[in-house]
Amino acid sequence: MSDPLAVIAQFPGVPEAVDEARQAVDRLYRHRVLRRASPAVSAESSLRGARASAAIEGTDVPLDALRRDEVHDPLVQGALRASAEMGRLGQTWRKAPRQVLARLHTVAAAGLTDQEGLGRPRSVDEAPDPLSLGPAPGVVDTTARMETLFTLLERPTKAPAIVLAAVVHGELAVLRPFGTADGVVARAAGRLTLVEYGLDPKSLVAVEVGHLELPYADALRAYLTGTKEGVAAWVQHCASAVSLGVRETTAICEAMQRG
């Protein structure tokens, strides 16, 4: 199969969900506030995205407390660092995804694991299961699937960015390749894919907020089945998360417009 992502893009329900999300992003990019305040909107979106990513892992903190730098929980701080790091990793993502994932893990897992484990794949079969997905694949299976993922990232595809981002996100979330902060890394890599593969080049969409609002773990369990229906359900979930992320960012724009 020369373009498996393009096959996934045609699964039942996927084209419609992807098109709806793309139209939502297009509408967002026409908002008048972005003519003068795009960087500020992106920064606020990243902050809200990092907060939502930590909340998915079970650490939910007030947004205002983050703005006042009052939160010192290592998981939250890791999510903030991963969000900030994305802007420096974009050009490397297509060429050296291993390097990018290692860097994302290094910043996301600092304070959660020992220094030697930062940026390194796990060497044991067991991995934490904060979302109750079930046992992670063993090291051998995880290594093989990660190699397949890297191949998909390097190979040209006709699939929309949302489909590629969904597969990147889903594989990292279920494989848990590092054994710590894998969910944070998975969501950061998913968002980075949306940015670098053209859907959201200014990183405006607070897609992590969408994941938080939706039944995230249930969607990942559907993906875990590996069936056409399960994978389609996950991609549709990711498309819906983009649409909800657009709604969040539109609210940011409206607040800035009101002053």
Protein backbone atom coordinates (compact mmCIF):
# COMPACT_ATOMS: atom_id res chain seq x y z
CA MET A 1 0.00 0.00 0.00
CA SER A 2 1.84 3.10 -1.24
CA ASP A 3 -0.26 5.69 0.63
CA PRO A 4 -2.01 4.14 3.65
CA LEU A 5 -2.93 7.56 5.03
CA ALA A 6 -4.89 8.35 1.88
CA VAL A 7 -6.82 5.12 2.43
CA ILE A 8 -7.67 6.17 6.00
CA ALA A 9 -8.75 9.56 4.65
CA GLN A 10 -11.53 7.82 2.73
CA PHE A 11 -12.89 5.74 5.61
CA PRO A 12 -16.65 6.32 6.20
CA GLY A 13 -17.32 9.63 7.91
CA VAL A 14 -13.74 10.86 7.69
CA PRO A 15 -13.91 13.10 4.55
CA GLU A 16 -16.93 14.99 5.90
CA ALA A 17 -15.41 15.50 9.36
CA VAL A 18 -12.07 16.63 7.92
CA ASP A 19 -13.75 19.05 5.51
CA GLU A 20 -15.85 20.58 8.30
CA ALA A 21 -12.73 21.13 10.42
CA ARG A 22 -10.81 22.63 7.50
CA GLN A 23 -13.62 25.07 6.80
CA ALA A 24 -13.66 26.07 10.47
CA VAL A 25 -9.92 26.81 10.36
CA ASP A 26 -10.36 28.81 7.15
CA ARG A 27 -13.03 30.95 8.82
CA LEU A 28 -10.78 31.53 11.83
CA TYR A 29 -7.92 32.73 9.64
CA ARG A 30 -10.18 35.41 8.19
CA HIS A 31 -10.86 36.97 11.60
CA ARG A 32 -9.94 40.65 11.53
CA VAL A 33 -8.08 40.52 14.86
CA LEU A 34 -5.44 38.29 13.29
CA ARG A 35 -4.33 41.11 11.00
CA ARG A 36 -2.65 42.79 13.94
CA ALA A 37 -2.53 40.31 16.81
CA SER A 38 -1.77 36.90 15.35
CA PRO A 39 1.28 36.27 17.60
CA ALA A 40 -0.68 37.21 20.73
CA VAL A 41 -3.54 34.91 19.74
CA SER A 42 -1.09 32.07 19.09
CA ALA A 43 0.53 32.59 22.49
CA GLU A 44 -2.81 32.51 24.30
CA SER A 45 -3.89 29.46 22.31
CA SER A 46 -0.67 27.68 23.29
CA LEU A 47 -1.22 28.50 26.95
CA ARG A 48 -4.76 27.16 26.88
CA GLY A 49 -3.62 24.13 24.93
CA ALA A 50 -0.92 23.30 27.47
CA ARG A 51 -3.39 23.65 30.34
CA ALA A 52 -5.84 21.34 28.57
CA SER A 53 -3.13 18.77 27.81
CA ALA A 54 -2.19 18.58 31.48
CA ALA A 55 -5.86 18.35 32.45
CA ILE A 56 -6.30 15.31 30.19
CA GLU A 57 -3.53 13.65 32.20
CA GLY A 58 -5.40 14.43 35.43
CA THR A 59 -3.82 17.71 36.54
CA ASP A 60 -6.37 20.47 36.02
CA VAL A 61 -5.32 23.97 37.10
CA PRO A 62 -6.97 27.39 36.66
CA LEU A 63 -5.90 29.34 33.60
CA ASP A 64 -5.43 32.52 35.63
CA ALA A 65 -3.02 30.71 37.95
CA LEU A 66 -0.92 29.76 34.93
CA ARG A 67 -0.86 33.36 33.75
CA ARG A 68 0.35 34.46 37.19
CA ASP A 69 3.02 31.74 37.16
CA GLU A 70 1.63 30.23 40.35
CA VAL A 71 1.58 26.60 39.22
CA HIS A 72 4.70 24.53 39.82
CA ASP A 73 3.35 21.02 39.21
CA PRO A 74 5.95 19.21 37.02
CA LEU A 75 3.34 17.79 34.63
CA VAL A 76 1.83 21.22 34.00
CA GLN A 77 5.25 22.81 33.64
CA GLY A 78 6.22 20.06 31.21
CA ALA A 79 3.13 20.72 29.11
CA LEU A 80 3.97 24.43 29.04
CA ARG A 81 7.56 23.75 28.01
CA ALA A 82 6.46 21.34 25.26
CA SER A 83 4.03 23.93 23.95
CA ALA A 84 6.72 26.61 23.91
CA GLU A 85 9.24 24.27 22.26
CA MET A 86 7.00 23.54 19.27
CA GLY A 87 7.84 26.86 17.66
CA ARG A 88 11.51 25.92 17.54
CA LEU A 89 11.01 22.40 16.22
CA GLY A 90 8.79 22.93 13.20
CA GLN A 91 11.38 22.85 10.44
CA THR A 92 12.98 19.73 11.93
CA TRP A 93 9.74 17.73 12.23
CA ARG A 94 9.60 16.58 8.62
CA LYS A 95 13.34 15.84 8.36
CA ALA A 96 14.16 14.35 11.76
CA PRO A 97 11.04 13.28 13.67
CA ARG A 98 13.03 11.10 16.09
CA GLN A 99 15.04 14.13 17.16
CA VAL A 100 11.91 16.22 17.63
CA LEU A 101 10.14 13.59 19.73
CA ALA A 102 13.23 13.16 21.89
CA ARG A 103 13.35 16.90 22.47
CA LEU A 104 9.63 17.12 23.24
CA HIS A 105 10.00 14.34 25.79
CA THR A 106 13.06 15.97 27.33
CA VAL A 107 11.17 19.18 28.05
CA ALA A 108 7.84 17.52 28.90
CA ALA A 109 9.19 14.89 31.30
CA ALA A 110 11.72 17.00 33.21
CA GLY A 111 10.88 16.58 36.88
CA LEU A 112 8.86 13.42 36.19
CA THR A 113 11.73 11.01 35.50
CA ASP A 114 15.47 10.85 36.09
CA GLN A 115 17.82 12.80 33.84
CA GLU A 116 19.03 9.67 32.04
CA GLY A 117 15.50 8.82 30.93
CA LEU A 118 14.80 12.13 29.25
CA GLY A 119 14.39 11.78 25.50
CA ARG A 120 15.06 8.05 25.56
CA PRO A 121 12.59 5.30 24.56
CA ARG A 122 11.52 3.07 27.41
CA SER A 123 13.51 -0.14 27.83
CA VAL A 124 10.85 -2.13 29.70
CA ASP A 125 7.53 -3.49 28.47
CA GLU A 126 5.45 -1.85 31.19
CA ALA A 127 4.31 1.78 30.98
CA PRO A 128 1.98 3.95 33.08
CA ASP A 129 -1.65 3.98 31.98
CA PRO A 130 -3.21 7.27 33.12
CA LEU A 131 -6.14 6.95 30.69
CA SER A 132 -6.90 3.29 31.49
CA LEU A 133 -6.24 2.17 27.92
CA GLY A 134 -4.81 -1.17 28.98
CA PRO A 135 -1.25 -2.51 28.86
CA ALA A 136 1.09 -0.73 26.46
CA PRO A 137 2.62 -2.74 23.62
CA GLY A 138 5.96 -4.30 24.50
CA VAL A 139 9.27 -2.71 23.59
CA VAL A 140 9.76 -4.78 20.43
CA ASP A 141 6.29 -4.03 19.06
CA THR A 142 6.57 -0.37 20.04
CA THR A 143 9.92 0.00 18.27
CA ALA A 144 8.52 -1.57 15.09
CA ARG A 145 5.44 0.64 15.07
CA MET A 146 7.50 3.75 15.74
CA GLU A 147 9.64 2.93 12.70
CA THR A 148 6.47 2.63 10.63
CA LEU A 149 5.30 5.98 11.95
CA PHE A 150 8.58 7.65 11.01
CA THR A 151 8.27 6.19 7.53
CA LEU A 152 4.77 7.67 7.19
CA LEU A 153 6.07 11.08 8.22
CA GLU A 154 8.85 10.96 5.65
CA ARG A 155 6.73 9.62 2.78
CA PRO A 156 4.62 11.93 0.57
CA THR A 157 0.89 11.50 1.06
CA LYS A 158 -2.29 12.87 -0.45
CA ALA A 159 -4.05 12.64 2.91
CA PRO A 160 -5.10 15.87 4.66
CA ALA A 161 -2.98 17.11 7.56
CA ILE A 162 -5.70 16.18 10.05
CA VAL A 163 -5.42 12.51 9.09
CA LEU A 164 -1.64 12.48 9.45
CA ALA A 165 -1.87 14.37 12.75
CA ALA A 166 -4.47 11.91 14.03
CA VAL A 167 -2.26 8.92 13.25
CA VAL A 168 0.82 10.57 14.79
CA HIS A 169 -1.14 11.50 17.91
CA GLY A 170 -2.91 8.15 18.17
CA GLU A 171 0.22 6.04 17.76
CA LEU A 172 2.21 7.99 20.34
CA ALA A 173 -0.67 7.99 22.81
CA VAL A 174 -1.29 4.24 22.66
CA LEU A 175 2.33 3.10 22.28
CA ARG A 176 3.58 5.27 25.16
CA PRO A 177 7.13 4.99 23.75
CA PHE A 178 8.87 6.90 26.53
CA GLY A 179 7.00 5.71 29.61
CA THR A 180 6.51 9.22 31.04
CA ALA A 181 4.63 12.27 29.74
CA ASP A 182 3.66 10.32 26.61
CA GLY A 183 0.23 11.95 26.39
CA VAL A 184 1.73 15.43 26.51
CA VAL A 185 4.24 14.47 23.82
CA ALA A 186 1.51 12.87 21.68
CA ARG A 187 -0.70 15.97 21.75
CA ALA A 188 2.24 18.30 21.10
CA ALA A 189 3.30 16.18 18.13
CA GLY A 190 -0.26 16.13 16.83
CA ARG A 191 -0.51 19.91 16.99
CA LEU A 192 2.95 20.30 15.46
CA THR A 193 1.81 18.15 12.54
CA LEU A 194 -1.23 20.36 11.95
CA VAL A 195 1.10 23.36 11.87
CA GLU A 196 3.90 21.96 9.72
CA TYR A 197 1.68 20.13 7.23
CA GLY A 198 -0.30 23.23 6.40
CA LEU A 199 -3.65 23.20 8.18
CA ASP A 200 -2.74 25.70 10.90
CA PRO A 201 0.61 27.29 9.96
CA LYS A 202 0.35 30.03 12.61
CA SER A 203 -0.47 27.56 15.41
CA LEU A 204 -3.68 29.35 16.30
CA VAL A 205 -6.02 26.44 16.94
CA ALA A 206 -6.25 25.33 20.59
CA VAL A 207 -6.83 21.74 19.52
CA GLU A 208 -5.95 20.33 22.95
CA VAL A 209 -8.97 22.13 24.38
CA GLY A 210 -11.09 20.22 21.91
CA HIS A 211 -9.58 16.92 23.02
CA LEU A 212 -10.36 17.80 26.64
CA GLU A 213 -13.99 18.58 25.87
CA LEU A 214 -14.54 15.34 23.94
CA PRO A 215 -14.46 11.70 25.20
CA TYR A 216 -10.73 11.46 24.52
CA ALA A 217 -9.95 8.11 26.15
CA ASP A 218 -12.95 6.46 24.49
CA ALA A 219 -11.76 7.67 21.09
CA LEU A 220 -8.28 6.28 21.72
CA ARG A 221 -9.81 2.94 22.73
CA ALA A 222 -11.60 2.91 19.38
CA TYR A 223 -8.28 3.57 17.63
CA LEU A 224 -6.70 0.73 19.59
CA THR A 225 -9.05 -1.76 17.98
CA GLY A 226 -7.27 -1.24 14.66
CA THR A 227 -10.52 -1.73 12.77
CA LYS A 228 -11.65 0.54 9.96
CA GLU A 229 -14.52 1.75 12.16
CA GLY A 230 -12.27 2.35 15.16
CA VAL A 231 -9.61 4.26 13.24
CA ALA A 232 -12.30 6.31 11.48
CA ALA A 233 -13.88 7.16 14.85
CA TRP A 234 -10.51 8.40 16.12
CA VAL A 235 -9.85 10.56 13.05
CA GLN A 236 -13.36 12.01 13.32
CA HIS A 237 -12.67 12.74 17.00
CA CYS A 238 -9.47 14.58 16.02
CA ALA A 239 -11.33 16.59 13.38
CA SER A 240 -13.97 17.53 15.95
CA ALA A 241 -11.19 18.56 18.36
CA VAL A 242 -9.88 20.92 15.68
CA SER A 243 -13.35 22.45 15.24
CA LEU A 244 -13.72 22.92 19.00
CA GLY A 245 -10.20 24.34 19.15
CA VAL A 246 -11.23 26.86 16.50
CA ARG A 247 -14.18 27.84 18.68
CA GLU A 248 -11.79 28.42 21.60
CA THR A 249 -9.44 30.53 19.51
CA THR A 250 -12.33 32.51 18.06
CA ALA A 251 -13.31 33.37 21.62
CA ILE A 252 -9.75 34.60 22.20
CA CYS A 253 -10.02 36.80 19.12
CA GLU A 254 -13.39 38.18 20.19
CA ALA A 255 -12.04 39.02 23.65
CA MET A 256 -9.08 40.85 22.13
CA GLN A 257 -11.40 42.71 19.78
CA ARG A 258 -13.45 43.94 22.72
CA GLY A 259 -10.27 45.09 24.39
